[in-house]
Amino acid sequence: AHPVDRVIPDPRPINHLAVRTIVSQLLSTAAAKTINE
């Protein structure tokens, strides 16, 4: 994994980050992806 580049601040719109954060909590990546789709 080294080096891992950090992108701060995240360039995505804040609403995208917030919705994806809320949806993905306590879910598998696959489940969150399906719900987002």
All heavy atoms as atom14 arrays in JSON, in Angstrom:
{
  "sequence": "AHPVDRVIPDPRPINHLAVRTIVSQLLSTAAAKTINE",
  "atom14_mask": [
    [1, 1, 1, 1, 1, 0, 0, 0, 0, 0, 0, 0, 0, 0],
    [1, 1, 1, 1, 1, 1, 1, 1, 1, 1, 0, 0, 0, 0],
    [1, 1, 1, 1, 1, 1, 1, 0, 0, 0, 0, 0, 0, 0],
    [1, 1, 1, 1, 1, 1, 1, 0, 0, 0, 0, 0, 0, 0],
    [1, 1, 1, 1, 1, 1, 1, 1, 0, 0, 0, 0, 0, 0],
    [1, 1, 1, 1, 1, 1, 1, 1, 1, 1, 1, 0, 0, 0],
    [1, 1, 1, 1, 1, 1, 1, 0, 0, 0, 0, 0, 0, 0],
    [1, 1, 1, 1, 1, 1, 1, 1, 0, 0, 0, 0, 0, 0],
    [1, 1, 1, 1, 1, 1, 1, 0, 0, 0, 0, 0, 0, 0],
    [1, 1, 1, 1, 1, 1, 1, 1, 0, 0, 0, 0, 0, 0],
    [1, 1, 1, 1, 1, 1, 1, 0, 0, 0, 0, 0, 0, 0],
    [1, 1, 1, 1, 1, 1, 1, 1, 1, 1, 1, 0, 0, 0],
    [1, 1, 1, 1, 1, 1, 1, 0, 0, 0, 0, 0, 0, 0],
    [1, 1, 1, 1, 1, 1, 1, 1, 0, 0, 0, 0, 0, 0],
    [1, 1, 1, 1, 1, 1, 1, 1, 0, 0, 0, 0, 0, 0],
    [1, 1, 1, 1, 1, 1, 1, 1, 1, 1, 0, 0, 0, 0],
    [1, 1, 1, 1, 1, 1, 1, 1, 0, 0, 0, 0, 0, 0],
    [1, 1, 1, 1, 1, 0, 0, 0, 0, 0, 0, 0, 0, 0],
    [1, 1, 1, 1, 1, 1, 1, 0, 0, 0, 0, 0, 0, 0],
    [1, 1, 1, 1, 1, 1, 1, 1, 1, 1, 1, 0, 0, 0],
    [1, 1, 1, 1, 1, 1, 1, 0, 0, 0, 0, 0, 0, 0],
    [1, 1, 1, 1, 1, 1, 1, 1, 0, 0, 0, 0, 0, 0],
    [1, 1, 1, 1, 1, 1, 1, 0, 0, 0, 0, 0, 0, 0],
    [1, 1, 1, 1, 1, 1, 0, 0, 0, 0, 0, 0, 0, 0],
    [1, 1, 1, 1, 1, 1, 1, 1, 1, 0, 0, 0, 0, 0],
    [1, 1, 1, 1, 1, 1, 1, 1, 0, 0, 0, 0, 0, 0],
    [1, 1, 1, 1, 1, 1, 1, 1, 0, 0, 0, 0, 0, 0],
    [1, 1, 1, 1, 1, 1, 0, 0, 0, 0, 0, 0, 0, 0],
    [1, 1, 1, 1, 1, 1, 1, 0, 0, 0, 0, 0, 0, 0],
    [1, 1, 1, 1, 1, 0, 0, 0, 0, 0, 0, 0, 0, 0],
    [1, 1, 1, 1, 1, 0, 0, 0, 0, 0, 0, 0, 0, 0],
    [1, 1, 1, 1, 1, 0, 0, 0, 0, 0, 0, 0, 0, 0],
    [1, 1, 1, 1, 1, 1, 1, 1, 1, 0, 0, 0, 0, 0],
    [1, 1, 1, 1, 1, 1, 1, 0, 0, 0, 0, 0, 0, 0],
    [1, 1, 1, 1, 1, 1, 1, 1, 0, 0, 0, 0, 0, 0],
    [1, 1, 1, 1, 1, 1, 1, 1, 0, 0, 0, 0, 0, 0],
    [1, 1, 1, 1, 1, 1, 1, 1, 1, 0, 0, 0, 0, 0]
  ],
  "atom14_positions": [
    [[0.8, -1.22, 0.0], [0.0, 0.0, 0.0], [0.83, 1.28, 0.0], [0.31, 2.34, -0.28], [-0.94, 0.02, 1.21], [0.0, 0.0, 0.0], [0.0, 0.0, 0.0], [0.0, 0.0, 0.0], [0.0, 0.0, 0.0], [0.0, 0.0, 0.0], [0.0, 0.0, 0.0], [0.0, 0.0, 0.0], [0.0, 0.0, 0.0], [0.0, 0.0, 0.0]],
    [[2.09, 1.21, 0.33], [2.88, 2.43, 0.46], [3.35, 2.92, -0.9], [3.74, 2.12, -1.73], [4.08, 2.18, 1.36], [4.91, 3.4, 1.56], [4.49, 4.43, 2.35], [6.09, 3.78, 1.03], [5.41, 5.39, 2.32], [6.38, 5.0, 1.53], [0.0, 0.0, 0.0], [0.0, 0.0, 0.0], [0.0, 0.0, 0.0], [0.0, 0.0, 0.0]],
    [[3.35, 4.19, -1.18], [2.77, 5.25, -0.36], [1.29, 5.43, -0.71], [0.88, 5.2, -1.85], [3.56, 6.5, -0.77], [3.9, 6.26, -2.2], [4.1, 4.74, -2.33], [0.0, 0.0, 0.0], [0.0, 0.0, 0.0], [0.0, 0.0, 0.0], [0.0, 0.0, 0.0], [0.0, 0.0, 0.0], [0.0, 0.0, 0.0], [0.0, 0.0, 0.0]],
    [[0.51, 5.82, 0.25], [-0.9, 6.1, 0.04], [-1.05, 7.61, -0.04], [-0.73, 8.32, 0.91], [-1.77, 5.54, 1.19], [-3.22, 5.93, 1.01], [-1.62, 4.03, 1.28], [0.0, 0.0, 0.0], [0.0, 0.0, 0.0], [0.0, 0.0, 0.0], [0.0, 0.0, 0.0], [0.0, 0.0, 0.0], [0.0, 0.0, 0.0], [0.0, 0.0, 0.0]],
    [[-1.47, 8.08, -1.22], [-1.66, 9.52, -1.39], [-2.96, 9.94, -0.71], [-3.96, 9.24, -0.78], [-1.73, 9.88, -2.87], [-0.41, 9.63, -3.58], [0.64, 9.81, -2.93], [-0.43, 9.26, -4.76], [0.0, 0.0, 0.0], [0.0, 0.0, 0.0], [0.0, 0.0, 0.0], [0.0, 0.0, 0.0], [0.0, 0.0, 0.0], [0.0, 0.0, 0.0]],
    [[-2.93, 11.05, -0.04], [-4.11, 11.59, 0.62], [-4.64, 12.76, -0.19], [-3.86, 13.6, -0.64], [-3.77, 12.07, 2.02], [-3.3, 10.94, 2.9], [-2.84, 11.49, 4.22], [-2.2, 10.41, 4.95], [-2.33, 10.25, 6.23], [-3.05, 11.07, 6.94], [-1.73, 9.26, 6.83], [0.0, 0.0, 0.0], [0.0, 0.0, 0.0], [0.0, 0.0, 0.0]],
    [[-5.93, 12.78, -0.39], [-6.55, 13.88, -1.11], [-7.37, 14.65, -0.09], [-8.46, 14.24, 0.3], [-7.44, 13.38, -2.27], [-8.09, 14.55, -2.97], [-6.63, 12.54, -3.23], [0.0, 0.0, 0.0], [0.0, 0.0, 0.0], [0.0, 0.0, 0.0], [0.0, 0.0, 0.0], [0.0, 0.0, 0.0], [0.0, 0.0, 0.0], [0.0, 0.0, 0.0]],
    [[-6.81, 15.74, 0.39], [-7.48, 16.56, 1.38], [-7.4, 18.0, 0.89], [-6.31, 18.48, 0.61], [-6.82, 16.43, 2.76], [-6.87, 14.98, 3.22], [-7.45, 17.35, 3.77], [-6.07, 14.69, 4.46], [0.0, 0.0, 0.0], [0.0, 0.0, 0.0], [0.0, 0.0, 0.0], [0.0, 0.0, 0.0], [0.0, 0.0, 0.0], [0.0, 0.0, 0.0]],
    [[-8.45, 18.72, 0.76], [-9.81, 18.25, 1.0], [-10.3, 17.39, -0.16], [-9.8, 17.49, -1.27], [-10.62, 19.55, 1.1], [-9.86, 20.51, 0.25], [-8.4, 20.13, 0.39], [0.0, 0.0, 0.0], [0.0, 0.0, 0.0], [0.0, 0.0, 0.0], [0.0, 0.0, 0.0], [0.0, 0.0, 0.0], [0.0, 0.0, 0.0], [0.0, 0.0, 0.0]],
    [[-11.27, 16.55, 0.14], [-11.86, 15.7, -0.88], [-12.57, 16.58, -1.9], [-13.37, 17.43, -1.52], [-12.86, 14.74, -0.22], [-13.27, 13.61, -1.14], [-13.66, 13.91, -2.28], [-13.21, 12.45, -0.72], [0.0, 0.0, 0.0], [0.0, 0.0, 0.0], [0.0, 0.0, 0.0], [0.0, 0.0, 0.0], [0.0, 0.0, 0.0], [0.0, 0.0, 0.0]],
    [[-12.28, 16.43, -3.18], [-12.85, 17.34, -4.18], [-14.32, 17.07, -4.53], [-14.94, 17.88, -5.19], [-11.96, 17.1, -5.41], [-11.51, 15.68, -5.27], [-11.35, 15.46, -3.77], [0.0, 0.0, 0.0], [0.0, 0.0, 0.0], [0.0, 0.0, 0.0], [0.0, 0.0, 0.0], [0.0, 0.0, 0.0], [0.0, 0.0, 0.0], [0.0, 0.0, 0.0]],
    [[-14.86, 15.95, -4.07], [-16.25, 15.65, -4.43], [-17.2, 16.61, -3.72], [-16.91, 17.1, -2.63], [-16.58, 14.21, -4.05], [-15.84, 13.19, -4.91], [-16.1, 11.79, -4.44], [-15.44, 11.6, -3.14], [-15.47, 10.47, -2.46], [-16.14, 9.44, -2.92], [-14.85, 10.36, -1.31], [0.0, 0.0, 0.0], [0.0, 0.0, 0.0], [0.0, 0.0, 0.0]],
    [[-18.37, 16.85, -4.32], [-19.36, 17.71, -3.68], [-19.75, 17.16, -2.3], [-19.84, 15.95, -2.1], [-20.56, 17.68, -4.63], [-19.98, 17.3, -5.95], [-18.82, 16.39, -5.64], [0.0, 0.0, 0.0], [0.0, 0.0, 0.0], [0.0, 0.0, 0.0], [0.0, 0.0, 0.0], [0.0, 0.0, 0.0], [0.0, 0.0, 0.0], [0.0, 0.0, 0.0]],
    [[-19.98, 18.06, -1.36], [-20.28, 17.67, 0.02], [-21.5, 16.77, 0.12], [-21.53, 15.85, 0.93], [-20.42, 18.93, 0.93], [-20.44, 18.54, 2.41], [-21.64, 19.74, 0.56], [-19.14, 18.13, 2.96], [0.0, 0.0, 0.0], [0.0, 0.0, 0.0], [0.0, 0.0, 0.0], [0.0, 0.0, 0.0], [0.0, 0.0, 0.0], [0.0, 0.0, 0.0]],
    [[-22.52, 17.01, -0.71], [-23.72, 16.17, -0.65], [-23.41, 14.73, -1.04], [-23.97, 13.8, -0.47], [-24.83, 16.74, -1.53], [-25.47, 17.96, -0.9], [-25.34, 18.2, 0.29], [-26.17, 18.73, -1.71], [0.0, 0.0, 0.0], [0.0, 0.0, 0.0], [0.0, 0.0, 0.0], [0.0, 0.0, 0.0], [0.0, 0.0, 0.0], [0.0, 0.0, 0.0]],
    [[-22.52, 14.53, -2.0], [-22.13, 13.17, -2.39], [-21.46, 12.48, -1.22], [-21.76, 11.32, -0.91], [-21.16, 13.2, -3.58], [-21.81, 13.58, -4.86], [-21.71, 12.83, -5.99], [-22.57, 14.65, -5.21], [-22.37, 13.4, -6.97], [-22.91, 14.52, -6.51], [0.0, 0.0, 0.0], [0.0, 0.0, 0.0], [0.0, 0.0, 0.0], [0.0, 0.0, 0.0]],
    [[-20.53, 13.18, -0.57], [-19.81, 12.59, 0.55], [-20.76, 12.25, 1.7], [-20.68, 11.17, 2.28], [-18.73, 13.56, 1.04], [-17.64, 13.9, 0.03], [-16.79, 15.05, 0.54], [-16.79, 12.69, -0.28], [0.0, 0.0, 0.0], [0.0, 0.0, 0.0], [0.0, 0.0, 0.0], [0.0, 0.0, 0.0], [0.0, 0.0, 0.0], [0.0, 0.0, 0.0]],
    [[-21.68, 13.16, 2.0], [-22.6, 12.94, 3.12], [-23.54, 11.78, 2.85], [-23.71, 10.89, 3.7], [-23.4, 14.21, 3.4], [0.0, 0.0, 0.0], [0.0, 0.0, 0.0], [0.0, 0.0, 0.0], [0.0, 0.0, 0.0], [0.0, 0.0, 0.0], [0.0, 0.0, 0.0], [0.0, 0.0, 0.0], [0.0, 0.0, 0.0], [0.0, 0.0, 0.0]],
    [[-24.17, 11.76, 1.68], [-25.12, 10.68, 1.38], [-24.41, 9.34, 1.35], [-24.88, 8.37, 1.95], [-25.87, 10.95, 0.05], [-26.66, 9.73, -0.39], [-26.79, 12.16, 0.21], [0.0, 0.0, 0.0], [0.0, 0.0, 0.0], [0.0, 0.0, 0.0], [0.0, 0.0, 0.0], [0.0, 0.0, 0.0], [0.0, 0.0, 0.0], [0.0, 0.0, 0.0]],
    [[-23.28, 9.27, 0.72], [-22.55, 8.0, 0.66], [-22.08, 7.56, 2.05], [-22.07, 6.38, 2.36], [-21.41, 8.09, -0.33], [-21.95, 8.22, -1.76], [-20.89, 8.13, -2.8], [-21.43, 8.35, -4.12], [-22.09, 7.46, -4.85], [-22.3, 6.25, -4.36], [-22.54, 7.75, -6.05], [0.0, 0.0, 0.0], [0.0, 0.0, 0.0], [0.0, 0.0, 0.0]],
    [[-21.73, 8.5, 2.88], [-21.32, 8.17, 4.26], [-22.49, 7.6, 5.03], [-22.38, 6.56, 5.69], [-20.76, 9.41, 4.98], [-19.58, 9.84, 4.29], [-20.44, 9.12, 6.42], [0.0, 0.0, 0.0], [0.0, 0.0, 0.0], [0.0, 0.0, 0.0], [0.0, 0.0, 0.0], [0.0, 0.0, 0.0], [0.0, 0.0, 0.0], [0.0, 0.0, 0.0]],
    [[-23.64, 8.25, 4.94], [-24.83, 7.78, 5.65], [-25.25, 6.41, 5.16], [-25.5, 5.5, 5.94], [-25.99, 8.8, 5.51], [-25.66, 10.08, 6.28], [-27.3, 8.2, 6.02], [-26.57, 11.25, 5.96], [0.0, 0.0, 0.0], [0.0, 0.0, 0.0], [0.0, 0.0, 0.0], [0.0, 0.0, 0.0], [0.0, 0.0, 0.0], [0.0, 0.0, 0.0]],
    [[-25.32, 6.23, 3.84], [-25.77, 4.96, 3.27], [-24.84, 3.82, 3.66], [-25.29, 2.74, 4.01], [-25.9, 5.05, 1.73], [-26.1, 3.68, 1.11], [-27.04, 5.99, 1.34], [0.0, 0.0, 0.0], [0.0, 0.0, 0.0], [0.0, 0.0, 0.0], [0.0, 0.0, 0.0], [0.0, 0.0, 0.0], [0.0, 0.0, 0.0], [0.0, 0.0, 0.0]],
    [[-23.54, 4.06, 3.65], [-22.59, 2.96, 3.81], [-22.35, 2.53, 5.26], [-21.76, 1.47, 5.48], [-21.25, 3.34, 3.18], [-20.66, 4.41, 3.87], [0.0, 0.0, 0.0], [0.0, 0.0, 0.0], [0.0, 0.0, 0.0], [0.0, 0.0, 0.0], [0.0, 0.0, 0.0], [0.0, 0.0, 0.0], [0.0, 0.0, 0.0], [0.0, 0.0, 0.0]],
    [[-22.83, 3.28, 6.23], [-22.57, 2.92, 7.61], [-23.18, 1.57, 7.98], [-24.33, 1.3, 7.69], [-23.11, 4.0, 8.55], [-22.29, 5.27, 8.46], [-22.78, 6.31, 9.43], [-23.03, 6.01, 10.58], [-22.89, 7.54, 8.95], [0.0, 0.0, 0.0], [0.0, 0.0, 0.0], [0.0, 0.0, 0.0], [0.0, 0.0, 0.0], [0.0, 0.0, 0.0]],
    [[-22.34, 0.74, 8.6], [-22.73, -0.59, 9.08], [-23.22, -1.52, 7.98], [-24.02, -2.42, 8.23], [-23.79, -0.47, 10.19], [-23.36, 0.34, 11.41], [-24.53, 0.53, 12.35], [-22.21, -0.32, 12.12], [0.0, 0.0, 0.0], [0.0, 0.0, 0.0], [0.0, 0.0, 0.0], [0.0, 0.0, 0.0], [0.0, 0.0, 0.0], [0.0, 0.0, 0.0]],
    [[-22.74, -1.3, 6.76], [-23.09, -2.16, 5.63], [-21.82, -2.64, 4.94], [-20.79, -1.97, 5.0], [-23.92, -1.4, 4.59], [-25.32, -0.94, 4.96], [-25.92, -0.16, 3.82], [-26.2, -2.12, 5.32], [0.0, 0.0, 0.0], [0.0, 0.0, 0.0], [0.0, 0.0, 0.0], [0.0, 0.0, 0.0], [0.0, 0.0, 0.0], [0.0, 0.0, 0.0]],
    [[-21.95, -3.73, 4.25], [-20.83, -4.17, 3.42], [-20.71, -3.2, 2.24], [-21.65, -2.5, 1.89], [-21.08, -5.59, 2.89], [-22.12, -5.57, 1.92], [0.0, 0.0, 0.0], [0.0, 0.0, 0.0], [0.0, 0.0, 0.0], [0.0, 0.0, 0.0], [0.0, 0.0, 0.0], [0.0, 0.0, 0.0], [0.0, 0.0, 0.0], [0.0, 0.0, 0.0]],
    [[-19.54, -3.18, 1.64], [-19.32, -2.32, 0.48], [-20.3, -2.67, -0.63], [-20.86, -1.79, -1.29], [-17.87, -2.47, -0.01], [-16.99, -2.13, 1.07], [-17.59, -1.58, -1.19], [0.0, 0.0, 0.0], [0.0, 0.0, 0.0], [0.0, 0.0, 0.0], [0.0, 0.0, 0.0], [0.0, 0.0, 0.0], [0.0, 0.0, 0.0], [0.0, 0.0, 0.0]],
    [[-20.52, -3.96, -0.85], [-21.43, -4.39, -1.92], [-22.86, -3.93, -1.66], [-23.55, -3.46, -2.57], [-21.38, -5.91, -2.06], [0.0, 0.0, 0.0], [0.0, 0.0, 0.0], [0.0, 0.0, 0.0], [0.0, 0.0, 0.0], [0.0, 0.0, 0.0], [0.0, 0.0, 0.0], [0.0, 0.0, 0.0], [0.0, 0.0, 0.0], [0.0, 0.0, 0.0]],
    [[-23.33, -4.05, -0.42], [-24.69, -3.62, -0.08], [-24.83, -2.12, -0.26], [-25.83, -1.64, -0.82], [-25.04, -4.03, 1.34], [0.0, 0.0, 0.0], [0.0, 0.0, 0.0], [0.0, 0.0, 0.0], [0.0, 0.0, 0.0], [0.0, 0.0, 0.0], [0.0, 0.0, 0.0], [0.0, 0.0, 0.0], [0.0, 0.0, 0.0], [0.0, 0.0, 0.0]],
    [[-23.85, -1.36, 0.22], [-23.91, 0.1, 0.08], [-23.92, 0.5, -1.39], [-24.67, 1.39, -1.79], [-22.73, 0.74, 0.8], [0.0, 0.0, 0.0], [0.0, 0.0, 0.0], [0.0, 0.0, 0.0], [0.0, 0.0, 0.0], [0.0, 0.0, 0.0], [0.0, 0.0, 0.0], [0.0, 0.0, 0.0], [0.0, 0.0, 0.0], [0.0, 0.0, 0.0]],
    [[-23.11, -0.17, -2.2], [-23.06, 0.14, -3.63], [-24.42, -0.12, -4.28], [-24.91, 0.69, -5.06], [-21.98, -0.71, -4.31], [-21.84, -0.44, -5.78], [-20.75, -1.29, -6.41], [-20.67, -0.94, -7.88], [-20.3, -2.04, -8.7], [0.0, 0.0, 0.0], [0.0, 0.0, 0.0], [0.0, 0.0, 0.0], [0.0, 0.0, 0.0], [0.0, 0.0, 0.0]],
    [[-25.04, -1.23, -3.94], [-26.36, -1.56, -4.49], [-27.4, -0.52, -4.1], [-28.18, -0.06, -4.93], [-26.8, -2.96, -4.01], [-25.85, -3.92, -4.49], [-28.18, -3.31, -4.52], [0.0, 0.0, 0.0], [0.0, 0.0, 0.0], [0.0, 0.0, 0.0], [0.0, 0.0, 0.0], [0.0, 0.0, 0.0], [0.0, 0.0, 0.0], [0.0, 0.0, 0.0]],
    [[-27.41, -0.13, -2.83], [-28.39, 0.87, -2.37], [-28.14, 2.21, -3.06], [-29.09, 2.86, -3.52], [-28.36, 1.0, -0.84], [-28.88, -0.29, -0.21], [-29.18, 2.2, -0.38], [-28.68, -0.38, 1.29], [0.0, 0.0, 0.0], [0.0, 0.0, 0.0], [0.0, 0.0, 0.0], [0.0, 0.0, 0.0], [0.0, 0.0, 0.0], [0.0, 0.0, 0.0]],
    [[-26.88, 2.63, -3.16], [-26.58, 3.88, -3.85], [-27.05, 3.84, -5.3], [-27.62, 4.8, -5.81], [-25.08, 4.19, -3.78], [-24.68, 4.83, -2.48], [-25.33, 5.77, -2.01], [-23.62, 4.33, -1.87], [0.0, 0.0, 0.0], [0.0, 0.0, 0.0], [0.0, 0.0, 0.0], [0.0, 0.0, 0.0], [0.0, 0.0, 0.0], [0.0, 0.0, 0.0]],
    [[-26.83, 2.72, -5.97], [-27.27, 2.58, -7.37], [-28.79, 2.66, -7.46], [-29.33, 3.32, -8.36], [-26.77, 1.26, -7.95], [-25.28, 1.25, -8.22], [-24.73, -0.12, -8.59], [-25.49, -1.14, -8.53], [-23.54, -0.19, -8.93], [0.0, 0.0, 0.0], [0.0, 0.0, 0.0], [0.0, 0.0, 0.0], [0.0, 0.0, 0.0], [0.0, 0.0, 0.0]]
  ]
}
